[in-house]
Amino acid sequence: MRNSIAAGRRLATRIVFAQTGVSLLMALLFLVQGLRPAAGALAGGLLVTAGTILLAARMFRSDAISGPTAFWGLLLGTLLKWILLAGGLISLLGVWRLPPLAVITGFTAALLIHVAGLRFKD
């Protein structure tokens, strides 16, 4: 079967590693502005990475699942991911008051990796 659960897990793992790498790269780029912008970029990127891990854990929690179970796992996982992302952004920008440009840049770069990851071939 071409779209096996194992292939989905491998793809999710690659996306998580790519998002972590991009988060670190954004932090290094913002390091020229100081530690707070670098921390903001890293936190924004790792927030998306945590959301991806949450989604993957929800989707691939068992080896054999039916179509409806897979659909509801995807739907619930996506909902939980976006709740985490919204709450995390509120915390990063509102509570910890990290630099908005750095946070949004790290967040967006990691999110774009997730979108680009849909094109990865297994």
PDB file of N, CA and C in Angstrom:
ATOM      1  N   MET A   1       0.847  -1.180   0.000  1.00  0.00           N
ATOM      2  CA  MET A   1       0.000   0.000   0.000  1.00  0.00           C
ATOM      3  C   MET A   1       0.887   1.237   0.000  1.00  0.00           C
ATOM      4  N   ARG A   2       0.601   2.172  -0.856  1.00  0.00           N
ATOM      5  CA  ARG A   2       1.442   3.357  -1.017  1.00  0.00           C
ATOM      6  C   ARG A   2       1.343   4.306   0.180  1.00  0.00           C
ATOM      7  N   ASN A   3       0.170   4.542   0.687  1.00  0.00           N
ATOM      8  CA  ASN A   3      -0.027   5.485   1.791  1.00  0.00           C
ATOM      9  C   ASN A   3      -0.198   4.741   3.104  1.00  0.00           C
ATOM     10  N   SER A   4       0.847   4.056   3.511  1.00  0.00           N
ATOM     11  CA  SER A   4       0.771   3.300   4.745  1.00  0.00           C
ATOM     12  C   SER A   4       0.930   4.214   5.953  1.00  0.00           C
ATOM     13  N   ILE A   5       0.574   3.701   7.099  1.00  0.00           N
ATOM     14  CA  ILE A   5       0.731   4.452   8.340  1.00  0.00           C
ATOM     15  C   ILE A   5       2.205   4.688   8.615  1.00  0.00           C
ATOM     16  N   ALA A   6       3.040   3.704   8.279  1.00  0.00           N
ATOM     17  CA  ALA A   6       4.487   3.860   8.481  1.00  0.00           C
ATOM     18  C   ALA A   6       5.034   5.006   7.636  1.00  0.00           C
ATOM     19  N   ALA A   7       4.536   5.151   6.406  1.00  0.00           N
ATOM     20  CA  ALA A   7       4.974   6.258   5.551  1.00  0.00           C
ATOM     21  C   ALA A   7       4.536   7.593   6.147  1.00  0.00           C
ATOM     22  N   GLY A   8       3.347   7.643   6.715  1.00  0.00           N
ATOM     23  CA  GLY A   8       2.877   8.863   7.363  1.00  0.00           C
ATOM     24  C   GLY A   8       3.711   9.228   8.575  1.00  0.00           C
ATOM     25  N   ARG A   9       4.077   8.223   9.339  1.00  0.00           N
ATOM     26  CA  ARG A   9       4.942   8.475  10.502  1.00  0.00           C
ATOM     27  C   ARG A   9       6.312   8.990  10.077  1.00  0.00           C
ATOM     28  N   ARG A  10       6.864   8.388   9.016  1.00  0.00           N
ATOM     29  CA  ARG A  10       8.169   8.858   8.527  1.00  0.00           C
ATOM     30  C   ARG A  10       8.076  10.292   8.027  1.00  0.00           C
ATOM     31  N   LEU A  11       7.010  10.619   7.323  1.00  0.00           N
ATOM     32  CA  LEU A  11       6.828  11.983   6.837  1.00  0.00           C
ATOM     33  C   LEU A  11       6.691  12.953   7.999  1.00  0.00           C
ATOM     34  N   ALA A  12       5.914  12.596   9.001  1.00  0.00           N
ATOM     35  CA  ALA A  12       5.748  13.457  10.179  1.00  0.00           C
ATOM     36  C   ALA A  12       7.081  13.671  10.884  1.00  0.00           C
ATOM     37  N   THR A  13       7.885  12.619  10.976  1.00  0.00           N
ATOM     38  CA  THR A  13       9.194  12.737  11.608  1.00  0.00           C
ATOM     39  C   THR A  13      10.096  13.690  10.824  1.00  0.00           C
ATOM     40  N   ARG A  14      10.091  13.563   9.508  1.00  0.00           N
ATOM     41  CA  ARG A  14      10.913  14.467   8.681  1.00  0.00           C
ATOM     42  C   ARG A  14      10.455  15.916   8.818  1.00  0.00           C
ATOM     43  N   ILE A  15       9.149  16.122   8.865  1.00  0.00           N
ATOM     44  CA  ILE A  15       8.637  17.487   9.006  1.00  0.00           C
ATOM     45  C   ILE A  15       9.040  18.072  10.359  1.00  0.00           C
ATOM     46  N   VAL A  16       8.953  17.273  11.416  1.00  0.00           N
ATOM     47  CA  VAL A  16       9.346  17.751  12.747  1.00  0.00           C
ATOM     48  C   VAL A  16      10.826  18.132  12.765  1.00  0.00           C
ATOM     49  N   PHE A  17      11.689  17.295  12.193  1.00  0.00           N
ATOM     50  CA  PHE A  17      13.114  17.620  12.151  1.00  0.00           C
ATOM     51  C   PHE A  17      13.382  18.858  11.300  1.00  0.00           C
ATOM     52  N   ALA A  18      12.681  18.985  10.175  1.00  0.00           N
ATOM     53  CA  ALA A  18      12.866  20.162   9.320  1.00  0.00           C
ATOM     54  C   ALA A  18      12.396  21.428  10.029  1.00  0.00           C
ATOM     55  N   GLN A  19      11.272  21.355  10.739  1.00  0.00           N
ATOM     56  CA  GLN A  19      10.781  22.518  11.473  1.00  0.00           C
ATOM     57  C   GLN A  19      11.738  22.903  12.595  1.00  0.00           C
ATOM     58  N   THR A  20      12.308  21.930  13.261  1.00  0.00           N
ATOM     59  CA  THR A  20      13.280  22.221  14.307  1.00  0.00           C
ATOM     60  C   THR A  20      14.511  22.894  13.714  1.00  0.00           C
ATOM     61  N   GLY A  21      14.978  22.394  12.581  1.00  0.00           N
ATOM     62  CA  GLY A  21      16.135  22.997  11.914  1.00  0.00           C
ATOM     63  C   GLY A  21      15.879  24.419  11.468  1.00  0.00           C
ATOM     64  N   VAL A  22      14.715  24.663  10.895  1.00  0.00           N
ATOM     65  CA  VAL A  22      14.377  26.020  10.463  1.00  0.00           C
ATOM     66  C   VAL A  22      14.235  26.942  11.663  1.00  0.00           C
ATOM     67  N   SER A  23      13.700  26.434  12.765  1.00  0.00           N
ATOM     68  CA  SER A  23      13.585  27.241  13.988  1.00  0.00           C
ATOM     69  C   SER A  23      14.960  27.657  14.491  1.00  0.00           C
ATOM     70  N   LEU A  24      15.893  26.722  14.484  1.00  0.00           N
ATOM     71  CA  LEU A  24      17.256  27.041  14.906  1.00  0.00           C
ATOM     72  C   LEU A  24      17.913  28.030  13.956  1.00  0.00           C
ATOM     73  N   LEU A  25      17.666  27.867  12.664  1.00  0.00           N
ATOM     74  CA  LEU A  25      18.219  28.798  11.673  1.00  0.00           C
ATOM     75  C   LEU A  25      17.666  30.205  11.876  1.00  0.00           C
ATOM     76  N   MET A  26      16.375  30.321  12.107  1.00  0.00           N
ATOM     77  CA  MET A  26      15.783  31.638  12.348  1.00  0.00           C
ATOM     78  C   MET A  26      16.351  32.260  13.626  1.00  0.00           C
ATOM     79  N   ALA A  27      16.558  31.434  14.648  1.00  0.00           N
ATOM     80  CA  ALA A  27      17.143  31.946  15.892  1.00  0.00           C
ATOM     81  C   ALA A  27      18.556  32.462  15.650  1.00  0.00           C
ATOM     82  N   LEU A  28      19.329  31.738  14.849  1.00  0.00           N
ATOM     83  CA  LEU A  28      20.687  32.200  14.528  1.00  0.00           C
ATOM     84  C   LEU A  28      20.655  33.510  13.740  1.00  0.00           C
ATOM     85  N   LEU A  29      19.713  33.631  12.824  1.00  0.00           N
ATOM     86  CA  LEU A  29      19.610  34.873  12.050  1.00  0.00           C
ATOM     87  C   LEU A  29      19.220  36.056  12.929  1.00  0.00           C
ATOM     88  N   PHE A  30      18.347  35.828  13.889  1.00  0.00           N
ATOM     89  CA  PHE A  30      17.914  36.912  14.771  1.00  0.00           C
ATOM     90  C   PHE A  30      18.897  37.164  15.908  1.00  0.00           C
ATOM     91  N   LEU A  31      19.889  36.306  16.050  1.00  0.00           N
ATOM     92  CA  LEU A  31      20.872  36.484  17.107  1.00  0.00           C
ATOM     93  C   LEU A  31      21.679  37.766  16.911  1.00  0.00           C
ATOM     94  N   VAL A  32      21.783  38.250  15.674  1.00  0.00           N
ATOM     95  CA  VAL A  32      22.503  39.506  15.440  1.00  0.00           C
ATOM     96  C   VAL A  32      21.780  40.685  16.084  1.00  0.00           C
ATOM     97  N   GLN A  33      20.480  40.549  16.338  1.00  0.00           N
ATOM     98  CA  GLN A  33      19.713  41.607  16.989  1.00  0.00           C
ATOM     99  C   GLN A  33      19.723  41.476  18.511  1.00  0.00           C
ATOM    100  N   GLY A  34      20.132  40.322  19.014  1.00  0.00           N
ATOM    101  CA  GLY A  34      20.178  40.132  20.459  1.00  0.00           C
ATOM    102  C   GLY A  34      19.557  38.811  20.872  1.00  0.00           C
ATOM    103  N   LEU A  35      19.614  38.546  22.178  1.00  0.00           N
ATOM    104  CA  LEU A  35      19.110  37.276  22.695  1.00  0.00           C
ATOM    105  C   LEU A  35      17.586  37.185  22.686  1.00  0.00           C
ATOM    106  N   ARG A  36      16.911  38.284  23.010  1.00  0.00           N
ATOM    107  CA  ARG A  36      15.436  38.237  23.032  1.00  0.00           C
ATOM    108  C   ARG A  36      14.839  37.978  21.655  1.00  0.00           C
ATOM    109  N   PRO A  37      15.304  38.660  20.596  1.00  0.00           N
ATOM    110  CA  PRO A  37      14.774  38.316  19.273  1.00  0.00           C
ATOM    111  C   PRO A  37      15.099  36.874  18.856  1.00  0.00           C
ATOM    112  N   ALA A  38      16.307  36.406  19.201  1.00  0.00           N
ATOM    113  CA  ALA A  38      16.671  35.023  18.877  1.00  0.00           C
ATOM    114  C   ALA A  38      15.771  34.043  19.621  1.00  0.00           C
ATOM    115  N   ALA A  39      15.515  34.330  20.901  1.00  0.00           N
ATOM    116  CA  ALA A  39      14.622  33.478  21.689  1.00  0.00           C
ATOM    117  C   ALA A  39      13.207  33.515  21.132  1.00  0.00           C
ATOM    118  N   GLY A  40      12.774  34.680  20.677  1.00  0.00           N
ATOM    119  CA  GLY A  40      11.442  34.803  20.091  1.00  0.00           C
ATOM    120  C   GLY A  40      11.294  33.989  18.817  1.00  0.00           C
ATOM    121  N   ALA A  41      12.299  34.067  17.946  1.00  0.00           N
ATOM    122  CA  ALA A  41      12.253  33.302  16.702  1.00  0.00           C
ATOM    123  C   ALA A  41      12.269  31.805  16.988  1.00  0.00           C
ATOM    124  N   LEU A  42      13.105  31.396  17.931  1.00  0.00           N
ATOM    125  CA  LEU A  42      13.175  29.980  18.292  1.00  0.00           C
ATOM    126  C   LEU A  42      11.857  29.516  18.909  1.00  0.00           C
ATOM    127  N   ALA A  43      11.312  30.319  19.804  1.00  0.00           N
ATOM    128  CA  ALA A  43      10.055  29.944  20.460  1.00  0.00           C
ATOM    129  C   ALA A  43       8.905  29.875  19.462  1.00  0.00           C
ATOM    130  N   GLY A  44       8.849  30.813  18.532  1.00  0.00           N
ATOM    131  CA  GLY A  44       7.795  30.798  17.513  1.00  0.00           C
ATOM    132  C   GLY A  44       7.881  29.557  16.637  1.00  0.00           C
ATOM    133  N   GLY A  45       9.083  29.196  16.234  1.00  0.00           N
ATOM    134  CA  GLY A  45       9.256  28.004  15.411  1.00  0.00           C
ATOM    135  C   GLY A  45       8.991  26.711  16.166  1.00  0.00           C
ATOM    136  N   LEU A  46       9.472  26.649  17.399  1.00  0.00           N
ATOM    137  CA  LEU A  46       9.267  25.432  18.185  1.00  0.00           C
ATOM    138  C   LEU A  46       7.810  25.264  18.613  1.00  0.00           C
ATOM    139  N   LEU A  47       7.080  26.359  18.671  1.00  0.00           N
ATOM    140  CA  LEU A  47       5.644  26.275  18.947  1.00  0.00           C
ATOM    141  C   LEU A  47       4.943  25.508  17.830  1.00  0.00           C
ATOM    142  N   VAL A  48       5.283  25.829  16.588  1.00  0.00           N
ATOM    143  CA  VAL A  48       4.700  25.110  15.450  1.00  0.00           C
ATOM    144  C   VAL A  48       5.149  23.650  15.470  1.00  0.00           C
ATOM    145  N   THR A  49       6.402  23.413  15.813  1.00  0.00           N
ATOM    146  CA  THR A  49       6.914  22.043  15.889  1.00  0.00           C
ATOM    147  C   THR A  49       6.138  21.241  16.932  1.00  0.00           C
ATOM    148  N   ALA A  50       5.860  21.843  18.076  1.00  0.00           N
ATOM    149  CA  ALA A  50       5.073  21.163  19.109  1.00  0.00           C
ATOM    150  C   ALA A  50       3.665  20.853  18.605  1.00  0.00           C
ATOM    151  N   GLY A  51       3.094  21.773  17.847  1.00  0.00           N
ATOM    152  CA  GLY A  51       1.779  21.530  17.261  1.00  0.00           C
ATOM    153  C   GLY A  51       1.797  20.372  16.280  1.00  0.00           C
ATOM    154  N   THR A  52       2.848  20.271  15.487  1.00  0.00           N
ATOM    155  CA  THR A  52       2.976  19.172  14.540  1.00  0.00           C
ATOM    156  C   THR A  52       3.127  17.843  15.273  1.00  0.00           C
ATOM    157  N   ILE A  53       3.895  17.840  16.350  1.00  0.00           N
ATOM    158  CA  ILE A  53       4.059  16.619  17.146  1.00  0.00           C
ATOM    159  C   ILE A  53       2.718  16.198  17.742  1.00  0.00           C
ATOM    160  N   LEU A  54       1.954  17.157  18.245  1.00  0.00           N
ATOM    161  CA  LEU A  54       0.634  16.870  18.806  1.00  0.00           C
ATOM    162  C   LEU A  54      -0.290  16.276  17.747  1.00  0.00           C
ATOM    163  N   LEU A  55      -0.294  16.878  16.557  1.00  0.00           N
ATOM    164  CA  LEU A  55      -1.129  16.389  15.463  1.00  0.00           C
ATOM    165  C   LEU A  55      -0.720  14.981  15.060  1.00  0.00           C
ATOM    166  N   ALA A  56       0.580  14.748  14.900  1.00  0.00           N
ATOM    167  CA  ALA A  56       1.054  13.420  14.487  1.00  0.00           C
ATOM    168  C   ALA A  56       0.752  12.368  15.545  1.00  0.00           C
ATOM    169  N   ALA A  57       0.916  12.724  16.806  1.00  0.00           N
ATOM    170  CA  ALA A  57       0.628  11.772  17.875  1.00  0.00           C
ATOM    171  C   ALA A  57      -0.850  11.387  17.881  1.00  0.00           C
ATOM    172  N   ARG A  58      -1.684  12.341  17.577  1.00  0.00           N
ATOM    173  CA  ARG A  58      -3.127  12.078  17.544  1.00  0.00           C
ATOM    174  C   ARG A  58      -3.500  11.227  16.327  1.00  0.00           C
ATOM    175  N   MET A  59      -2.862  11.492  15.196  1.00  0.00           N
ATOM    176  CA  MET A  59      -3.210  10.780  13.966  1.00  0.00           C
ATOM    177  C   MET A  59      -2.666   9.354  13.929  1.00  0.00           C
ATOM    178  N   PHE A  60      -1.460   9.153  14.442  1.00  0.00           N
ATOM    179  CA  PHE A  60      -0.787   7.864  14.291  1.00  0.00           C
ATOM    180  C   PHE A  60      -0.676   7.112  15.614  1.00  0.00           C
ATOM    181  N   ARG A  61      -1.701   7.164  16.422  1.00  0.00           N
ATOM    182  CA  ARG A  61      -1.619   6.538  17.743  1.00  0.00           C
ATOM    183  C   ARG A  61      -1.801   5.033  17.702  1.00  0.00           C
ATOM    184  N   SER A  62      -2.311   4.476  16.611  1.00  0.00           N
ATOM    185  CA  SER A  62      -2.421   3.019  16.499  1.00  0.00           C
ATOM    186  C   SER A  62      -2.017   2.576  15.096  1.00  0.00           C
ATOM    187  N   ASP A  63      -1.784   1.279  14.939  1.00  0.00           N
ATOM    188  CA  ASP A  63      -1.299   0.776  13.657  1.00  0.00           C
ATOM    189  C   ASP A  63      -2.405   0.566  12.630  1.00  0.00           C
ATOM    190  N   ALA A  64      -3.519   0.064  13.027  1.00  0.00           N
ATOM    191  CA  ALA A  64      -4.600  -0.221  12.088  1.00  0.00           C
ATOM    192  C   ALA A  64      -5.832   0.580  12.492  1.00  0.00           C
ATOM    193  N   ILE A  65      -6.215   1.513  11.642  1.00  0.00           N
ATOM    194  CA  ILE A  65      -7.385   2.335  11.929  1.00  0.00           C
ATOM    195  C   ILE A  65      -8.306   2.357  10.717  1.00  0.00           C
ATOM    196  N   SER A  66      -9.570   2.556  10.969  1.00  0.00           N
ATOM    197  CA  SER A  66     -10.550   2.625   9.888  1.00  0.00           C
ATOM    198  C   SER A  66     -10.587   4.041   9.312  1.00  0.00           C
ATOM    199  N   GLY A  67     -11.260   4.192   8.205  1.00  0.00           N
ATOM    200  CA  GLY A  67     -11.375   5.506   7.564  1.00  0.00           C
ATOM    201  C   GLY A  67     -12.003   6.561   8.457  1.00  0.00           C
ATOM    202  N   PRO A  68     -13.155   6.275   9.052  1.00  0.00           N
ATOM    203  CA  PRO A  68     -13.756   7.277   9.935  1.00  0.00           C
ATOM    204  C   PRO A  68     -12.877   7.622  11.145  1.00  0.00           C
ATOM    205  N   THR A  69     -12.204   6.616  11.687  1.00  0.00           N
ATOM    206  CA  THR A  69     -11.318   6.873  12.821  1.00  0.00           C
ATOM    207  C   THR A  69     -10.159   7.771  12.407  1.00  0.00           C
ATOM    208  N   ALA A  70      -9.618   7.516  11.218  1.00  0.00           N
ATOM    209  CA  ALA A  70      -8.529   8.354  10.706  1.00  0.00           C
ATOM    210  C   ALA A  70      -9.009   9.782  10.481  1.00  0.00           C
ATOM    211  N   PHE A  71     -10.206   9.927   9.933  1.00  0.00           N
ATOM    212  CA  PHE A  71     -10.760  11.263   9.689  1.00  0.00           C
ATOM    213  C   PHE A  71     -10.936  12.037  10.987  1.00  0.00           C
ATOM    214  N   TRP A  72     -11.537  11.390  11.996  1.00  0.00           N
ATOM    215  CA  TRP A  72     -11.766  12.077  13.268  1.00  0.00           C
ATOM    216  C   TRP A  72     -10.458  12.351  13.998  1.00  0.00           C
ATOM    217  N   GLY A  73      -9.479  11.458  13.836  1.00  0.00           N
ATOM    218  CA  GLY A  73      -8.158  11.704  14.414  1.00  0.00           C
ATOM    219  C   GLY A  73      -7.502  12.928  13.791  1.00  0.00           C
ATOM    220  N   LEU A  74      -7.619  13.045  12.466  1.00  0.00           N
ATOM    221  CA  LEU A  74      -7.078  14.218  11.773  1.00  0.00           C
ATOM    222  C   LEU A  74      -7.814  15.483  12.205  1.00  0.00           C
ATOM    223  N   LEU A  75      -9.116  15.416  12.257  1.00  0.00           N
ATOM    224  CA  LEU A  75      -9.910  16.587  12.630  1.00  0.00           C
ATOM    225  C   LEU A  75      -9.612  17.039  14.062  1.00  0.00           C
ATOM    226  N   LEU A  76      -9.621  16.109  14.994  1.00  0.00           N
ATOM    227  CA  LEU A  76      -9.350  16.460  16.397  1.00  0.00           C
ATOM    228  C   LEU A  76      -7.904  16.911  16.575  1.00  0.00           C
ATOM    229  N   GLY A  77      -6.968  16.228  15.914  1.00  0.00           N
ATOM    230  CA  GLY A  77      -5.568  16.616  15.998  1.00  0.00           C
ATOM    231  C   GLY A  77      -5.318  18.016  15.464  1.00  0.00           C
ATOM    232  N   THR A  78      -5.964  18.342  14.357  1.00  0.00           N
ATOM    233  CA  THR A  78      -5.824  19.682  13.778  1.00  0.00           C
ATOM    234  C   THR A  78      -6.424  20.736  14.706  1.00  0.00           C
ATOM    235  N   LEU A  79      -7.567  20.443  15.281  1.00  0.00           N
ATOM    236  CA  LEU A  79      -8.190  21.376  16.222  1.00  0.00           C
ATOM    237  C   LEU A  79      -7.288  21.610  17.437  1.00  0.00           C
ATOM    238  N   LEU A  80      -6.743  20.528  17.994  1.00  0.00           N
ATOM    239  CA  LEU A  80      -5.841  20.669  19.144  1.00  0.00           C
ATOM    240  C   LEU A  80      -4.583  21.446  18.775  1.00  0.00           C
ATOM    241  N   LYS A  81      -4.070  21.189  17.577  1.00  0.00           N
ATOM    242  CA  LYS A  81      -2.870  21.901  17.123  1.00  0.00           C
ATOM    243  C   LYS A  81      -3.138  23.405  17.063  1.00  0.00           C
ATOM    244  N   TRP A  82      -4.246  23.805  16.479  1.00  0.00           N
ATOM    245  CA  TRP A  82      -4.513  25.237  16.333  1.00  0.00           C
ATOM    246  C   TRP A  82      -4.863  25.898  17.657  1.00  0.00           C
ATOM    247  N   ILE A  83      -5.454  25.158  18.576  1.00  0.00           N
ATOM    248  CA  ILE A  83      -5.664  25.703  19.923  1.00  0.00           C
ATOM    249  C   ILE A  83      -4.317  25.943  20.590  1.00  0.00           C
ATOM    250  N   LEU A  84      -3.399  24.981  20.452  1.00  0.00           N
ATOM    251  CA  LEU A  84      -2.055  25.135  21.002  1.00  0.00           C
ATOM    252  C   LEU A  84      -1.338  26.326  20.363  1.00  0.00           C
ATOM    253  N   LEU A  85      -1.439  26.458  19.043  1.00  0.00           N
ATOM    254  CA  LEU A  85      -0.757  27.558  18.360  1.00  0.00           C
ATOM    255  C   LEU A  85      -1.320  28.915  18.774  1.00  0.00           C
ATOM    256  N   ALA A  86      -2.628  29.017  18.860  1.00  0.00           N
ATOM    257  CA  ALA A  86      -3.228  30.297  19.260  1.00  0.00           C
ATOM    258  C   ALA A  86      -2.847  30.652  20.698  1.00  0.00           C
ATOM    259  N   GLY A  87      -2.957  29.693  21.596  1.00  0.00           N
ATOM    260  CA  GLY A  87      -2.581  29.945  22.988  1.00  0.00           C
ATOM    261  C   GLY A  87      -1.103  30.248  23.133  1.00  0.00           C
ATOM    262  N   GLY A  88      -0.280  29.547  22.370  1.00  0.00           N
ATOM    263  CA  GLY A  88       1.158  29.784  22.418  1.00  0.00           C
ATOM    264  C   GLY A  88       1.531  31.165  21.914  1.00  0.00           C
ATOM    265  N   LEU A  89       0.904  31.589  20.821  1.00  0.00           N
ATOM    266  CA  LEU A  89       1.187  32.933  20.308  1.00  0.00           C
ATOM    267  C   LEU A  89       0.749  34.004  21.297  1.00  0.00           C
ATOM    268  N   ILE A  90      -0.388  33.806  21.903  1.00  0.00           N
ATOM    269  CA  ILE A  90      -0.853  34.761  22.915  1.00  0.00           C
ATOM    270  C   ILE A  90       0.153  34.833  24.062  1.00  0.00           C
ATOM    271  N   SER A  91       0.660  33.676  24.475  1.00  0.00           N
ATOM    272  CA  SER A  91       1.652  33.651  25.563  1.00  0.00           C
ATOM    273  C   SER A  91       2.956  34.317  25.160  1.00  0.00           C
ATOM    274  N   LEU A  92       3.457  33.973  23.977  1.00  0.00           N
ATOM    275  CA  LEU A  92       4.742  34.520  23.542  1.00  0.00           C
ATOM    276  C   LEU A  92       4.694  36.029  23.354  1.00  0.00           C
ATOM    277  N   LEU A  93       3.603  36.502  22.759  1.00  0.00           N
ATOM    278  CA  LEU A  93       3.508  37.936  22.458  1.00  0.00           C
ATOM    279  C   LEU A  93       2.917  38.747  23.606  1.00  0.00           C
ATOM    280  N   GLY A  94       1.934  38.187  24.297  1.00  0.00           N
ATOM    281  CA  GLY A  94       1.245  38.951  25.327  1.00  0.00           C
ATOM    282  C   GLY A  94       1.807  38.796  26.722  1.00  0.00           C
ATOM    283  N   VAL A  95       2.174  37.579  27.084  1.00  0.00           N
ATOM    284  CA  VAL A  95       2.651  37.329  28.442  1.00  0.00           C
ATOM    285  C   VAL A  95       4.153  37.594  28.545  1.00  0.00           C
ATOM    286  N   TRP A  96       4.926  36.938  27.675  1.00  0.00           N
ATOM    287  CA  TRP A  96       6.380  37.092  27.751  1.00  0.00           C
ATOM    288  C   TRP A  96       6.898  38.281  26.952  1.00  0.00           C
ATOM    289  N   ARG A  97       6.043  38.883  26.147  1.00  0.00           N
ATOM    290  CA  ARG A  97       6.375  40.080  25.383  1.00  0.00           C
ATOM    291  C   ARG A  97       7.686  39.944  24.600  1.00  0.00           C
ATOM    292  N   LEU A  98       7.795  38.819  23.892  1.00  0.00           N
ATOM    293  CA  LEU A  98       8.940  38.637  23.011  1.00  0.00           C
ATOM    294  C   LEU A  98       8.739  39.497  21.767  1.00  0.00           C
ATOM    295  N   PRO A  99       9.804  39.862  21.071  1.00  0.00           N
ATOM    296  CA  PRO A  99       9.678  40.726  19.893  1.00  0.00           C
ATOM    297  C   PRO A  99       8.755  40.113  18.825  1.00  0.00           C
ATOM    298  N   PRO A 100       7.703  40.828  18.445  1.00  0.00           N
ATOM    299  CA  PRO A 100       6.710  40.268  17.526  1.00  0.00           C
ATOM    300  C   PRO A 100       7.283  39.847  16.168  1.00  0.00           C
ATOM    301  N   LEU A 101       8.185  40.635  15.609  1.00  0.00           N
ATOM    302  CA  LEU A 101       8.737  40.280  14.301  1.00  0.00           C
ATOM    303  C   LEU A 101       9.474  38.946  14.365  1.00  0.00           C
ATOM    304  N   ALA A 102      10.245  38.749  15.399  1.00  0.00           N
ATOM    305  CA  ALA A 102      11.002  37.500  15.544  1.00  0.00           C
ATOM    306  C   ALA A 102      10.070  36.311  15.753  1.00  0.00           C
ATOM    307  N   VAL A 103       9.087  36.464  16.617  1.00  0.00           N
ATOM    308  CA  VAL A 103       8.155  35.368  16.906  1.00  0.00           C
ATOM    309  C   VAL A 103       7.385  34.982  15.650  1.00  0.00           C
ATOM    310  N   ILE A 104       6.836  35.973  14.965  1.00  0.00           N
ATOM    311  CA  ILE A 104       6.033  35.699  13.770  1.00  0.00           C
ATOM    312  C   ILE A 104       6.898  35.128  12.651  1.00  0.00           C
ATOM    313  N   THR A 105       8.135  35.588  12.527  1.00  0.00           N
ATOM    314  CA  THR A 105       9.025  35.058  11.497  1.00  0.00           C
ATOM    315  C   THR A 105       9.348  33.591  11.763  1.00  0.00           C
ATOM    316  N   GLY A 106       9.717  33.254  12.990  1.00  0.00           N
ATOM    317  CA  GLY A 106       9.985  31.857  13.328  1.00  0.00           C
ATOM    318  C   GLY A 106       8.751  30.984  13.161  1.00  0.00           C
ATOM    319  N   PHE A 107       7.611  31.500  13.592  1.00  0.00           N
ATOM    320  CA  PHE A 107       6.329  30.795  13.477  1.00  0.00           C
ATOM    321  C   PHE A 107       6.001  30.517  12.013  1.00  0.00           C
ATOM    322  N   THR A 108       6.103  31.551  11.173  1.00  0.00           N
ATOM    323  CA  THR A 108       5.757  31.421   9.764  1.00  0.00           C
ATOM    324  C   THR A 108       6.721  30.506   9.025  1.00  0.00           C
ATOM    325  N   ALA A 109       8.011  30.618   9.307  1.00  0.00           N
ATOM    326  CA  ALA A 109       9.002  29.766   8.640  1.00  0.00           C
ATOM    327  C   ALA A 109       8.733  28.286   8.949  1.00  0.00           C
ATOM    328  N   ALA A 110       8.454  27.973  10.203  1.00  0.00           N
ATOM    329  CA  ALA A 110       8.168  26.583  10.569  1.00  0.00           C
ATOM    330  C   ALA A 110       6.850  26.115   9.963  1.00  0.00           C
ATOM    331  N   LEU A 111       5.873  26.990   9.891  1.00  0.00           N
ATOM    332  CA  LEU A 111       4.586  26.635   9.296  1.00  0.00           C
ATOM    333  C   LEU A 111       4.733  26.378   7.802  1.00  0.00           C
ATOM    334  N   LEU A 112       5.582  27.137   7.145  1.00  0.00           N
ATOM    335  CA  LEU A 112       5.816  26.920   5.716  1.00  0.00           C
ATOM    336  C   LEU A 112       6.504  25.582   5.463  1.00  0.00           C
ATOM    337  N   ILE A 113       7.338  25.144   6.393  1.00  0.00           N
ATOM    338  CA  ILE A 113       7.956  23.815   6.269  1.00  0.00           C
ATOM    339  C   ILE A 113       6.882  22.741   6.313  1.00  0.00           C
ATOM    340  N   HIS A 114       5.888  22.932   7.158  1.00  0.00           N
ATOM    341  CA  HIS A 114       4.795  21.956   7.227  1.00  0.00           C
ATOM    342  C   HIS A 114       4.073  21.878   5.884  1.00  0.00           C
ATOM    343  N   VAL A 115       3.805  23.015   5.281  1.00  0.00           N
ATOM    344  CA  VAL A 115       3.138  23.038   3.982  1.00  0.00           C
ATOM    345  C   VAL A 115       4.029  22.406   2.902  1.00  0.00           C
ATOM    346  N   ALA A 116       5.312  22.765   2.911  1.00  0.00           N
ATOM    347  CA  ALA A 116       6.242  22.200   1.928  1.00  0.00           C
ATOM    348  C   ALA A 116       6.427  20.705   2.161  1.00  0.00           C
ATOM    349  N   GLY A 117       6.276  20.255   3.398  1.00  0.00           N
ATOM    350  CA  GLY A 117       6.443  18.844   3.719  1.00  0.00           C
ATOM    351  C   GLY A 117       5.415  17.964   3.050  1.00  0.00           C
ATOM    352  N   LEU A 118       4.299  18.520   2.665  1.00  0.00           N
ATOM    353  CA  LEU A 118       3.285  17.735   1.961  1.00  0.00           C
ATOM    354  C   LEU A 118       3.768  17.312   0.582  1.00  0.00           C
ATOM    355  N   ARG A 119       4.839  17.924   0.106  1.00  0.00           N
ATOM    356  CA  ARG A 119       5.394  17.568  -1.197  1.00  0.00           C
ATOM    357  C   ARG A 119       6.529  16.564  -1.098  1.00  0.00           C
ATOM    358  N   PHE A 120       6.963  16.212   0.142  1.00  0.00           N
ATOM    359  CA  PHE A 120       8.037  15.244   0.305  1.00  0.00           C
ATOM    360  C   PHE A 120       7.579  13.897  -0.230  1.00  0.00           C
ATOM    361  N   LYS A 121       8.454  13.225  -0.923  1.00  0.00           N
ATOM    362  CA  LYS A 121       8.148  11.887  -1.435  1.00  0.00           C
ATOM    363  C   LYS A 121       8.727  10.845  -0.495  1.00  0.00           C
ATOM    364  N   ASP A 122       8.029   9.757  -0.339  1.00  0.00           N
ATOM    365  CA  ASP A 122       8.510   8.695   0.539  1.00  0.00           C
ATOM    366  C   ASP A 122       9.099   7.569  -0.269  1.00  0.00           C
TER     367      ASP A 122
END
